[in-house]
């Protein structure tokens, strides 16, 4: 399922590079951030914050009033990042999309 997502969506990814190497990527549609990934070697260096800021600016420029995203309950570092940059937890529900057995956390940020 993840491979199909990448095959279908990769032209829409915004990619961060440092010294010619991929440091992270982000993908959004309308007001929903579909994916945010920072390479393990680049975590804690502000890459995620910069990618989120880039997406939020584009979302706001499109006239949308909020940005939304999801993560899983076990992903505490992601939750900490989202809260630190102004996202607020809005809901928790079973991960039916990926049928992972995990619980998904929905975050929103007013722009």
PDB file of N, CA and C in Angstrom:
ATOM      1  N   UNK A   1       0.819  -1.194   0.000  1.00  0.00           N
ATOM      2  CA  UNK A   1       0.000   0.000   0.000  1.00  0.00           C
ATOM      3  C   UNK A   1       0.867   1.264   0.000  1.00  0.00           C
ATOM      4  N   UNK A   2       1.933   1.243   0.815  1.00  0.00           N
ATOM      5  CA  UNK A   2       2.830   2.393   0.857  1.00  0.00           C
ATOM      6  C   UNK A   2       3.509   2.641  -0.474  1.00  0.00           C
ATOM      7  N   UNK A   3       3.891   1.561  -1.153  1.00  0.00           N
ATOM      8  CA  UNK A   3       4.530   1.698  -2.462  1.00  0.00           C
ATOM      9  C   UNK A   3       3.598   2.325  -3.485  1.00  0.00           C
ATOM     10  N   UNK A   4       2.334   1.953  -3.453  1.00  0.00           N
ATOM     11  CA  UNK A   4       1.352   2.541  -4.382  1.00  0.00           C
ATOM     12  C   UNK A   4       1.193   4.034  -4.106  1.00  0.00           C
ATOM     13  N   UNK A   5       1.171   4.405  -2.826  1.00  0.00           N
ATOM     14  CA  UNK A   5       1.063   5.818  -2.458  1.00  0.00           C
ATOM     15  C   UNK A   5       2.240   6.601  -3.039  1.00  0.00           C
ATOM     16  N   UNK A   6       3.444   6.102  -2.853  1.00  0.00           N
ATOM     17  CA  UNK A   6       4.628   6.798  -3.356  1.00  0.00           C
ATOM     18  C   UNK A   6       4.595   6.860  -4.883  1.00  0.00           C
ATOM     19  N   UNK A   7       4.287   5.758  -5.547  1.00  0.00           N
ATOM     20  CA  UNK A   7       4.233   5.750  -7.010  1.00  0.00           C
ATOM     21  C   UNK A   7       3.246   6.781  -7.544  1.00  0.00           C
ATOM     22  N   UNK A   8       2.115   6.919  -6.865  1.00  0.00           N
ATOM     23  CA  UNK A   8       1.052   7.819  -7.303  1.00  0.00           C
ATOM     24  C   UNK A   8       1.357   9.278  -6.956  1.00  0.00           C
ATOM     25  N   UNK A   9       2.026   9.513  -5.846  1.00  0.00           N
ATOM     26  CA  UNK A   9       2.107  10.865  -5.292  1.00  0.00           C
ATOM     27  C   UNK A   9       3.478  11.523  -5.365  1.00  0.00           C
ATOM     28  N   UNK A  10       4.543  10.793  -5.670  1.00  0.00           N
ATOM     29  CA  UNK A  10       5.886  11.365  -5.535  1.00  0.00           C
ATOM     30  C   UNK A  10       6.103  12.664  -6.298  1.00  0.00           C
ATOM     31  N   UNK A  11       5.455  12.901  -7.444  1.00  0.00           N
ATOM     32  CA  UNK A  11       5.702  14.193  -8.103  1.00  0.00           C
ATOM     33  C   UNK A  11       5.250  15.397  -7.271  1.00  0.00           C
ATOM     34  N   UNK A  12       4.384  15.163  -6.282  1.00  0.00           N
ATOM     35  CA  UNK A  12       3.866  16.248  -5.449  1.00  0.00           C
ATOM     36  C   UNK A  12       4.692  16.446  -4.172  1.00  0.00           C
ATOM     37  N   UNK A  13       5.694  15.621  -3.931  1.00  0.00           N
ATOM     38  CA  UNK A  13       6.494  15.730  -2.707  1.00  0.00           C
ATOM     39  C   UNK A  13       7.379  16.966  -2.768  1.00  0.00           C
ATOM     40  N   UNK A  14       7.515  17.647  -1.640  1.00  0.00           N
ATOM     41  CA  UNK A  14       8.539  18.680  -1.474  1.00  0.00           C
ATOM     42  C   UNK A  14       9.679  18.015  -0.717  1.00  0.00           C
ATOM     43  N   UNK A  15      10.882  18.162  -1.230  1.00  0.00           N
ATOM     44  CA  UNK A  15      12.040  17.463  -0.683  1.00  0.00           C
ATOM     45  C   UNK A  15      13.040  18.468  -0.130  1.00  0.00           C
ATOM     46  N   UNK A  16      13.532  18.199   1.079  1.00  0.00           N
ATOM     47  CA  UNK A  16      14.589  19.009   1.682  1.00  0.00           C
ATOM     48  C   UNK A  16      15.915  18.302   1.451  1.00  0.00           C
ATOM     49  N   UNK A  17      16.911  19.061   1.020  1.00  0.00           N
ATOM     50  CA  UNK A  17      18.249  18.514   0.809  1.00  0.00           C
ATOM     51  C   UNK A  17      19.251  19.276   1.650  1.00  0.00           C
ATOM     52  N   UNK A  18      20.234  18.549   2.144  1.00  0.00           N
ATOM     53  CA  UNK A  18      21.369  19.147   2.844  1.00  0.00           C
ATOM     54  C   UNK A  18      22.623  18.541   2.241  1.00  0.00           C
ATOM     55  N   UNK A  19      23.504  19.389   1.764  1.00  0.00           N
ATOM     56  CA  UNK A  19      24.755  18.944   1.131  1.00  0.00           C
ATOM     57  C   UNK A  19      24.497  17.925   0.028  1.00  0.00           C
ATOM     58  N   UNK A  20      23.439  18.159  -0.758  1.00  0.00           N
ATOM     59  CA  UNK A  20      23.147  17.307  -1.900  1.00  0.00           C
ATOM     60  C   UNK A  20      22.486  15.982  -1.568  1.00  0.00           C
ATOM     61  N   UNK A  21      22.141  15.764  -0.311  1.00  0.00           N
ATOM     62  CA  UNK A  21      21.491  14.517   0.087  1.00  0.00           C
ATOM     63  C   UNK A  21      20.094  14.815   0.608  1.00  0.00           C
ATOM     64  N   UNK A  22      19.177  13.892   0.363  1.00  0.00           N
ATOM     65  CA  UNK A  22      17.815  14.052   0.849  1.00  0.00           C
ATOM     66  C   UNK A  22      17.831  14.032   2.374  1.00  0.00           C
ATOM     67  N   UNK A  23      17.232  15.062   2.969  1.00  0.00           N
ATOM     68  CA  UNK A  23      17.139  15.152   4.427  1.00  0.00           C
ATOM     69  C   UNK A  23      15.729  14.839   4.913  1.00  0.00           C
ATOM     70  N   UNK A  24      14.741  15.066   4.051  1.00  0.00           N
ATOM     71  CA  UNK A  24      13.359  14.803   4.420  1.00  0.00           C
ATOM     72  C   UNK A  24      12.428  15.153   3.290  1.00  0.00           C
ATOM     73  N   UNK A  25      11.147  14.859   3.498  1.00  0.00           N
ATOM     74  CA  UNK A  25      10.141  15.166   2.490  1.00  0.00           C
ATOM     75  C   UNK A  25       8.802  15.409   3.155  1.00  0.00           C
ATOM     76  N   UNK A  26       7.942  16.116   2.426  1.00  0.00           N
ATOM     77  CA  UNK A  26       6.586  16.374   2.898  1.00  0.00           C
ATOM     78  C   UNK A  26       5.650  16.356   1.704  1.00  0.00           C
ATOM     79  N   UNK A  27       4.422  15.936   1.954  1.00  0.00           N
ATOM     80  CA  UNK A  27       3.402  15.890   0.914  1.00  0.00           C
ATOM     81  C   UNK A  27       2.075  16.313   1.524  1.00  0.00           C
ATOM     82  N   UNK A  28       1.358  17.195   0.850  1.00  0.00           N
ATOM     83  CA  UNK A  28       0.049  17.620   1.329  1.00  0.00           C
ATOM     84  C   UNK A  28      -0.907  17.731   0.156  1.00  0.00           C
ATOM     85  N   UNK A  29      -2.172  17.604   0.483  1.00  0.00           N
ATOM     86  CA  UNK A  29      -3.275  17.832  -0.460  1.00  0.00           C
ATOM     87  C   UNK A  29      -4.295  18.696   0.270  1.00  0.00           C
ATOM     88  N   UNK A  30      -4.669  19.797  -0.362  1.00  0.00           N
ATOM     89  CA  UNK A  30      -5.587  20.754   0.259  1.00  0.00           C
ATOM     90  C   UNK A  30      -5.028  21.134   1.629  1.00  0.00           C
ATOM     91  N   UNK A  31      -5.777  20.914   2.714  1.00  0.00           N
ATOM     92  CA  UNK A  31      -5.285  21.303   4.036  1.00  0.00           C
ATOM     93  C   UNK A  31      -4.714  20.138   4.828  1.00  0.00           C
ATOM     94  N   UNK A  32      -4.561  18.977   4.185  1.00  0.00           N
ATOM     95  CA  UNK A  32      -4.132  17.776   4.906  1.00  0.00           C
ATOM     96  C   UNK A  32      -2.710  17.381   4.523  1.00  0.00           C
ATOM     97  N   UNK A  33      -1.835  17.316   5.525  1.00  0.00           N
ATOM     98  CA  UNK A  33      -0.460  16.873   5.307  1.00  0.00           C
ATOM     99  C   UNK A  33      -0.471  15.348   5.327  1.00  0.00           C
ATOM    100  N   UNK A  34      -0.278  14.780   4.159  1.00  0.00           N
ATOM    101  CA  UNK A  34      -0.365  13.332   3.969  1.00  0.00           C
ATOM    102  C   UNK A  34       0.860  12.604   4.511  1.00  0.00           C
ATOM    103  N   UNK A  35       2.026  13.234   4.379  1.00  0.00           N
ATOM    104  CA  UNK A  35       3.265  12.558   4.786  1.00  0.00           C
ATOM    105  C   UNK A  35       4.316  13.582   5.168  1.00  0.00           C
ATOM    106  N   UNK A  36       5.043  13.275   6.216  1.00  0.00           N
ATOM    107  CA  UNK A  36       6.226  14.031   6.628  1.00  0.00           C
ATOM    108  C   UNK A  36       7.234  12.996   7.073  1.00  0.00           C
ATOM    109  N   UNK A  37       8.418  13.024   6.465  1.00  0.00           N
ATOM    110  CA  UNK A  37       9.462  12.079   6.854  1.00  0.00           C
ATOM    111  C   UNK A  37      10.799  12.812   6.883  1.00  0.00           C
ATOM    112  N   UNK A  38      11.532  12.613   7.949  1.00  0.00           N
ATOM    113  CA  UNK A  38      12.882  13.162   8.080  1.00  0.00           C
ATOM    114  C   UNK A  38      13.828  11.982   8.263  1.00  0.00           C
ATOM    115  N   UNK A  39      14.894  11.967   7.490  1.00  0.00           N
ATOM    116  CA  UNK A  39      15.881  10.895   7.601  1.00  0.00           C
ATOM    117  C   UNK A  39      16.403  10.833   9.032  1.00  0.00           C
ATOM    118  N   UNK A  40      16.634   9.647   9.526  1.00  0.00           N
ATOM    119  CA  UNK A  40      17.082   9.464  10.913  1.00  0.00           C
ATOM    120  C   UNK A  40      18.330  10.289  11.215  1.00  0.00           C
ATOM    121  N   UNK A  41      19.238  10.370  10.251  1.00  0.00           N
ATOM    122  CA  UNK A  41      20.489  11.114  10.468  1.00  0.00           C
ATOM    123  C   UNK A  41      20.279  12.618  10.534  1.00  0.00           C
ATOM    124  N   UNK A  42      19.092  13.098  10.156  1.00  0.00           N
ATOM    125  CA  UNK A  42      18.792  14.535  10.145  1.00  0.00           C
ATOM    126  C   UNK A  42      17.752  14.941  11.177  1.00  0.00           C
ATOM    127  N   UNK A  43      17.250  13.984  11.953  1.00  0.00           N
ATOM    128  CA  UNK A  43      16.258  14.317  12.967  1.00  0.00           C
ATOM    129  C   UNK A  43      16.899  15.166  14.057  1.00  0.00           C
ATOM    130  N   UNK A  44      16.126  16.105  14.566  1.00  0.00           N
ATOM    131  CA  UNK A  44      16.631  17.007  15.603  1.00  0.00           C
ATOM    132  C   UNK A  44      17.414  18.193  15.065  1.00  0.00           C
ATOM    133  N   UNK A  45      17.432  18.361  13.729  1.00  0.00           N
ATOM    134  CA  UNK A  45      18.172  19.461  13.115  1.00  0.00           C
ATOM    135  C   UNK A  45      17.264  20.537  12.514  1.00  0.00           C
ATOM    136  N   UNK A  46      15.966  20.450  12.787  1.00  0.00           N
ATOM    137  CA  UNK A  46      15.036  21.463  12.294  1.00  0.00           C
ATOM    138  C   UNK A  46      14.444  21.185  10.926  1.00  0.00           C
ATOM    139  N   UNK A  47      14.780  20.063  10.337  1.00  0.00           N
ATOM    140  CA  UNK A  47      14.283  19.737   8.996  1.00  0.00           C
ATOM    141  C   UNK A  47      12.761  19.592   9.012  1.00  0.00           C
ATOM    142  N   UNK A  48      12.231  18.870   9.978  1.00  0.00           N
ATOM    143  CA  UNK A  48      10.784  18.674  10.070  1.00  0.00           C
ATOM    144  C   UNK A  48      10.050  19.994  10.247  1.00  0.00           C
ATOM    145  N   UNK A  49      10.593  20.853  11.086  1.00  0.00           N
ATOM    146  CA  UNK A  49       9.978  22.170  11.302  1.00  0.00           C
ATOM    147  C   UNK A  49       9.949  22.978  10.006  1.00  0.00           C
ATOM    148  N   UNK A  50      11.053  22.951   9.264  1.00  0.00           N
ATOM    149  CA  UNK A  50      11.115  23.711   8.018  1.00  0.00           C
ATOM    150  C   UNK A  50      10.160  23.144   6.975  1.00  0.00           C
ATOM    151  N   UNK A  51      10.069  21.825   6.897  1.00  0.00           N
ATOM    152  CA  UNK A  51       9.135  21.221   5.948  1.00  0.00           C
ATOM    153  C   UNK A  51       7.693  21.548   6.322  1.00  0.00           C
ATOM    154  N   UNK A  52       7.358  21.472   7.605  1.00  0.00           N
ATOM    155  CA  UNK A  52       6.010  21.830   8.039  1.00  0.00           C
ATOM    156  C   UNK A  52       5.716  23.291   7.709  1.00  0.00           C
ATOM    157  N   UNK A  53       6.654  24.176   7.969  1.00  0.00           N
ATOM    158  CA  UNK A  53       6.466  25.592   7.670  1.00  0.00           C
ATOM    159  C   UNK A  53       6.226  25.808   6.180  1.00  0.00           C
ATOM    160  N   UNK A  54       6.980  25.113   5.354  1.00  0.00           N
ATOM    161  CA  UNK A  54       6.821  25.216   3.896  1.00  0.00           C
ATOM    162  C   UNK A  54       5.409  24.815   3.482  1.00  0.00           C
ATOM    163  N   UNK A  55       4.942  23.677   3.990  1.00  0.00           N
ATOM    164  CA  UNK A  55       3.605  23.196   3.649  1.00  0.00           C
ATOM    165  C   UNK A  55       2.533  24.142   4.183  1.00  0.00           C
ATOM    166  N   UNK A  56       2.693  24.614   5.402  1.00  0.00           N
ATOM    167  CA  UNK A  56       1.701  25.517   6.003  1.00  0.00           C
ATOM    168  C   UNK A  56       1.589  26.820   5.211  1.00  0.00           C
ATOM    169  N   UNK A  57       2.719  27.335   4.732  1.00  0.00           N
ATOM    170  CA  UNK A  57       2.685  28.556   3.928  1.00  0.00           C
ATOM    171  C   UNK A  57       1.914  28.317   2.635  1.00  0.00           C
ATOM    172  N   UNK A  58       2.151  27.189   2.001  1.00  0.00           N
ATOM    173  CA  UNK A  58       1.445  26.868   0.755  1.00  0.00           C
ATOM    174  C   UNK A  58      -0.045  26.661   1.011  1.00  0.00           C
ATOM    175  N   UNK A  59      -0.376  25.999   2.093  1.00  0.00           N
ATOM    176  CA  UNK A  59      -1.776  25.765   2.448  1.00  0.00           C
ATOM    177  C   UNK A  59      -2.473  27.097   2.712  1.00  0.00           C
ATOM    178  N   UNK A  60      -1.824  27.971   3.465  1.00  0.00           N
ATOM    179  CA  UNK A  60      -2.386  29.288   3.739  1.00  0.00           C
ATOM    180  C   UNK A  60      -2.540  30.127   2.483  1.00  0.00           C
ATOM    181  N   UNK A  61      -1.551  30.081   1.602  1.00  0.00           N
ATOM    182  CA  UNK A  61      -1.607  30.820   0.340  1.00  0.00           C
ATOM    183  C   UNK A  61      -2.777  30.338  -0.518  1.00  0.00           C
ATOM    184  N   UNK A  62      -3.121  29.071  -0.384  1.00  0.00           N
ATOM    185  CA  UNK A  62      -4.260  28.511  -1.126  1.00  0.00           C
ATOM    186  C   UNK A  62      -5.598  28.949  -0.522  1.00  0.00           C
ATOM    187  N   UNK A  63      -5.550  29.734   0.567  1.00  0.00           N
ATOM    188  CA  UNK A  63      -6.768  30.261   1.157  1.00  0.00           C
ATOM    189  C   UNK A  63      -7.408  29.368   2.203  1.00  0.00           C
ATOM    190  N   UNK A  64      -6.686  28.363   2.648  1.00  0.00           N
ATOM    191  CA  UNK A  64      -7.224  27.447   3.659  1.00  0.00           C
ATOM    192  C   UNK A  64      -6.839  27.933   5.047  1.00  0.00           C
ATOM    193  N   UNK A  65      -7.730  27.754   5.998  1.00  0.00           N
ATOM    194  CA  UNK A  65      -7.568  28.339   7.326  1.00  0.00           C
ATOM    195  C   UNK A  65      -6.841  27.445   8.319  1.00  0.00           C
ATOM    196  N   UNK A  66      -6.611  26.188   7.947  1.00  0.00           N
ATOM    197  CA  UNK A  66      -5.979  25.259   8.883  1.00  0.00           C
ATOM    198  C   UNK A  66      -5.134  24.246   8.121  1.00  0.00           C
ATOM    199  N   UNK A  67      -4.224  23.630   8.860  1.00  0.00           N
ATOM    200  CA  UNK A  67      -3.482  22.470   8.370  1.00  0.00           C
ATOM    201  C   UNK A  67      -3.824  21.314   9.298  1.00  0.00           C
ATOM    202  N   UNK A  68      -3.989  20.139   8.723  1.00  0.00           N
ATOM    203  CA  UNK A  68      -4.305  18.946   9.509  1.00  0.00           C
ATOM    204  C   UNK A  68      -3.293  17.860   9.159  1.00  0.00           C
ATOM    205  N   UNK A  69      -3.057  16.969  10.108  1.00  0.00           N
ATOM    206  CA  UNK A  69      -2.184  15.822   9.874  1.00  0.00           C
ATOM    207  C   UNK A  69      -2.490  14.748  10.902  1.00  0.00           C
ATOM    208  N   UNK A  70      -1.983  13.557  10.645  1.00  0.00           N
ATOM    209  CA  UNK A  70      -2.182  12.435  11.553  1.00  0.00           C
ATOM    210  C   UNK A  70      -0.853  11.773  11.868  1.00  0.00           C
ATOM    211  N   UNK A  71      -0.804  11.129  13.018  1.00  0.00           N
ATOM    212  CA  UNK A  71       0.297  10.252  13.385  1.00  0.00           C
ATOM    213  C   UNK A  71      -0.289   9.145  14.255  1.00  0.00           C
ATOM    214  N   UNK A  72       0.542   8.214  14.637  1.00  0.00           N
ATOM    215  CA  UNK A  72       0.077   7.134  15.503  1.00  0.00           C
ATOM    216  C   UNK A  72       0.443   7.437  16.951  1.00  0.00           C
ATOM    217  N   UNK A  73      -0.288   6.834  17.879  1.00  0.00           N
ATOM    218  CA  UNK A  73      -0.058   7.099  19.295  1.00  0.00           C
ATOM    219  C   UNK A  73       1.348   6.720  19.738  1.00  0.00           C
ATOM    220  N   UNK A  74       1.953   5.711  19.105  1.00  0.00           N
ATOM    221  CA  UNK A  74       3.298   5.295  19.506  1.00  0.00           C
ATOM    222  C   UNK A  74       4.379   6.262  19.049  1.00  0.00           C
ATOM    223  N   UNK A  75       4.072   7.157  18.106  1.00  0.00           N
ATOM    224  CA  UNK A  75       5.082   8.063  17.546  1.00  0.00           C
ATOM    225  C   UNK A  75       5.171   9.335  18.398  1.00  0.00           C
ATOM    226  N   UNK A  76       5.750   9.177  19.569  1.00  0.00           N
ATOM    227  CA  UNK A  76       5.844  10.290  20.513  1.00  0.00           C
ATOM    228  C   UNK A  76       6.725  11.436  20.016  1.00  0.00           C
ATOM    229  N   UNK A  77       7.845  11.165  19.324  1.00  0.00           N
ATOM    230  CA  UNK A  77       8.634  12.290  18.805  1.00  0.00           C
ATOM    231  C   UNK A  77       7.845  13.156  17.820  1.00  0.00           C
ATOM    232  N   UNK A  78       7.060  12.534  16.957  1.00  0.00           N
ATOM    233  CA  UNK A  78       6.255  13.313  16.012  1.00  0.00           C
ATOM    234  C   UNK A  78       5.217  14.133  16.760  1.00  0.00           C
ATOM    235  N   UNK A  79       4.554  13.529  17.728  1.00  0.00           N
ATOM    236  CA  UNK A  79       3.559  14.272  18.503  1.00  0.00           C
ATOM    237  C   UNK A  79       4.188  15.473  19.200  1.00  0.00           C
ATOM    238  N   UNK A  80       5.378  15.290  19.744  1.00  0.00           N
ATOM    239  CA  UNK A  80       6.066  16.397  20.421  1.00  0.00           C
ATOM    240  C   UNK A  80       6.385  17.519  19.433  1.00  0.00           C
ATOM    241  N   UNK A  81       6.844  17.164  18.238  1.00  0.00           N
ATOM    242  CA  UNK A  81       7.132  18.178  17.221  1.00  0.00           C
ATOM    243  C   UNK A  81       5.869  18.940  16.856  1.00  0.00           C
ATOM    244  N   UNK A  82       4.794  18.233  16.572  1.00  0.00           N
ATOM    245  CA  UNK A  82       3.563  18.892  16.145  1.00  0.00           C
ATOM    246  C   UNK A  82       3.055  19.846  17.222  1.00  0.00           C
ATOM    247  N   UNK A  83       3.093  19.416  18.471  1.00  0.00           N
ATOM    248  CA  UNK A  83       2.652  20.288  19.563  1.00  0.00           C
ATOM    249  C   UNK A  83       3.568  21.502  19.696  1.00  0.00           C
ATOM    250  N   UNK A  84       4.866  21.303  19.520  1.00  0.00           N
ATOM    251  CA  UNK A  84       5.836  22.399  19.664  1.00  0.00           C
ATOM    252  C   UNK A  84       5.645  23.484  18.611  1.00  0.00           C
ATOM    253  N   UNK A  85       5.120  23.118  17.439  1.00  0.00           N
ATOM    254  CA  UNK A  85       4.929  24.114  16.377  1.00  0.00           C
ATOM    255  C   UNK A  85       3.470  24.558  16.262  1.00  0.00           C
ATOM    256  N   UNK A  86       2.655  24.245  17.274  1.00  0.00           N
ATOM    257  CA  UNK A  86       1.322  24.814  17.346  1.00  0.00           C
ATOM    258  C   UNK A  86       0.153  23.935  16.966  1.00  0.00           C
ATOM    259  N   UNK A  87       0.399  22.667  16.687  1.00  0.00           N
ATOM    260  CA  UNK A  87      -0.719  21.767  16.387  1.00  0.00           C
ATOM    261  C   UNK A  87      -1.403  21.338  17.681  1.00  0.00           C
ATOM    262  N   UNK A  88      -2.697  21.104  17.584  1.00  0.00           N
ATOM    263  CA  UNK A  88      -3.511  20.712  18.728  1.00  0.00           C
ATOM    264  C   UNK A  88      -4.167  19.372  18.405  1.00  0.00           C
ATOM    265  N   UNK A  89      -4.105  18.457  19.357  1.00  0.00           N
ATOM    266  CA  UNK A  89      -4.758  17.162  19.163  1.00  0.00           C
ATOM    267  C   UNK A  89      -6.267  17.366  19.136  1.00  0.00           C
ATOM    268  N   UNK A  90      -6.919  16.782  18.113  1.00  0.00           N
ATOM    269  CA  UNK A  90      -8.357  16.939  17.951  1.00  0.00           C
ATOM    270  C   UNK A  90      -9.133  15.636  18.099  1.00  0.00           C
ATOM    271  N   UNK A  91      -8.496  14.488  17.819  1.00  0.00           N
ATOM    272  CA  UNK A  91      -9.243  13.236  17.861  1.00  0.00           C
ATOM    273  C   UNK A  91      -8.278  12.054  17.866  1.00  0.00           C
ATOM    274  N   UNK A  92      -8.799  10.907  18.299  1.00  0.00           N
ATOM    275  CA  UNK A  92      -8.094   9.624  18.232  1.00  0.00           C
ATOM    276  C   UNK A  92      -9.078   8.592  17.716  1.00  0.00           C
ATOM    277  N   UNK A  93      -8.592   7.710  16.829  1.00  0.00           N
ATOM    278  CA  UNK A  93      -9.460   6.693  16.243  1.00  0.00           C
ATOM    279  C   UNK A  93      -8.610   5.548  15.703  1.00  0.00           C
ATOM    280  N   UNK A  94      -9.231   4.386  15.486  1.00  0.00           N
ATOM    281  CA  UNK A  94      -8.481   3.238  14.959  1.00  0.00           C
ATOM    282  C   UNK A  94      -7.935   3.535  13.568  1.00  0.00           C
ATOM    283  N   UNK A  95      -6.755   2.999  13.269  1.00  0.00           N
ATOM    284  CA  UNK A  95      -6.126   3.167  11.958  1.00  0.00           C
ATOM    285  C   UNK A  95      -6.777   2.209  10.962  1.00  0.00           C
ATOM    286  N   UNK A  96      -7.911   2.627  10.422  1.00  0.00           N
ATOM    287  CA  UNK A  96      -8.627   1.792   9.458  1.00  0.00           C
ATOM    288  C   UNK A  96      -8.021   1.864   8.066  1.00  0.00           C
ATOM    289  N   UNK A  97      -7.370   2.991   7.731  1.00  0.00           N
ATOM    290  CA  UNK A  97      -6.802   3.148   6.394  1.00  0.00           C
ATOM    291  C   UNK A  97      -5.724   2.108   6.120  1.00  0.00           C
ATOM    292  N   UNK A  98      -4.809   1.911   7.067  1.00  0.00           N
ATOM    293  CA  UNK A  98      -3.715   0.970   6.882  1.00  0.00           C
ATOM    294  C   UNK A  98      -3.994  -0.352   7.592  1.00  0.00           C
ATOM    295  N   UNK A  99      -5.087  -0.408   8.373  1.00  0.00           N
ATOM    296  CA  UNK A  99      -5.468  -1.609   9.118  1.00  0.00           C
ATOM    297  C   UNK A  99      -4.284  -2.137   9.931  1.00  0.00           C
ATOM    298  N   UNK A 100      -3.628  -1.220  10.643  1.00  0.00           N
ATOM    299  CA  UNK A 100      -2.402  -1.554  11.371  1.00  0.00           C
ATOM    300  C   UNK A 100      -2.660  -2.064  12.781  1.00  0.00           C
ATOM    301  N   UNK A 101      -3.865  -1.828  13.287  1.00  0.00           N
ATOM    302  CA  UNK A 101      -4.134  -2.156  14.678  1.00  0.00           C
ATOM    303  C   UNK A 101      -3.721  -1.042  15.630  1.00  0.00           C
ATOM    304  N   UNK A 102      -3.111   0.015  15.105  1.00  0.00           N
ATOM    305  CA  UNK A 102      -2.698   1.150  15.927  1.00  0.00           C
ATOM    306  C   UNK A 102      -3.830   2.158  16.051  1.00  0.00           C
ATOM    307  N   UNK A 103      -3.632   3.124  16.922  1.00  0.00           N
ATOM    308  CA  UNK A 103      -4.564   4.225  17.070  1.00  0.00           C
ATOM    309  C   UNK A 103      -3.953   5.456  16.424  1.00  0.00           C
ATOM    310  N   UNK A 104      -4.742   6.143  15.625  1.00  0.00           N
ATOM    311  CA  UNK A 104      -4.321   7.343  14.913  1.00  0.00           C
ATOM    312  C   UNK A 104      -4.698   8.576  15.735  1.00  0.00           C
ATOM    313  N   UNK A 105      -3.815   9.580  15.709  1.00  0.00           N
ATOM    314  CA  UNK A 105      -4.055  10.846  16.389  1.00  0.00           C
ATOM    315  C   UNK A 105      -4.156  11.938  15.320  1.00  0.00           C
ATOM    316  N   UNK A 106      -5.264  12.670  15.325  1.00  0.00           N
ATOM    317  CA  UNK A 106      -5.469  13.780  14.396  1.00  0.00           C
ATOM    318  C   UNK A 106      -5.062  15.082  15.079  1.00  0.00           C
ATOM    319  N   UNK A 107      -4.221  15.864  14.390  1.00  0.00           N
ATOM    320  CA  UNK A 107      -3.807  17.179  14.858  1.00  0.00           C
ATOM    321  C   UNK A 107      -4.269  18.239  13.864  1.00  0.00           C
ATOM    322  N   UNK A 108      -4.568  19.438  14.378  1.00  0.00           N
ATOM    323  CA  UNK A 108      -4.923  20.579  13.554  1.00  0.00           C
ATOM    324  C   UNK A 108      -4.180  21.816  14.039  1.00  0.00           C
ATOM    325  N   UNK A 109      -3.917  22.709  13.079  1.00  0.00           N
ATOM    326  CA  UNK A 109      -3.290  23.994  13.405  1.00  0.00           C
ATOM    327  C   UNK A 109      -3.991  25.083  12.617  1.00  0.00           C
ATOM    328  N   UNK A 110      -4.466  26.110  13.302  1.00  0.00           N
ATOM    329  CA  UNK A 110      -5.042  27.275  12.627  1.00  0.00           C
ATOM    330  C   UNK A 110      -3.905  28.063  11.989  1.00  0.00           C
ATOM    331  N   UNK A 111      -4.109  28.496  10.775  1.00  0.00           N
ATOM    332  CA  UNK A 111      -3.065  29.242  10.055  1.00  0.00           C
ATOM    333  C   UNK A 111      -3.362  30.730  10.063  1.00  0.00           C
TER     334      UNK A 111
END
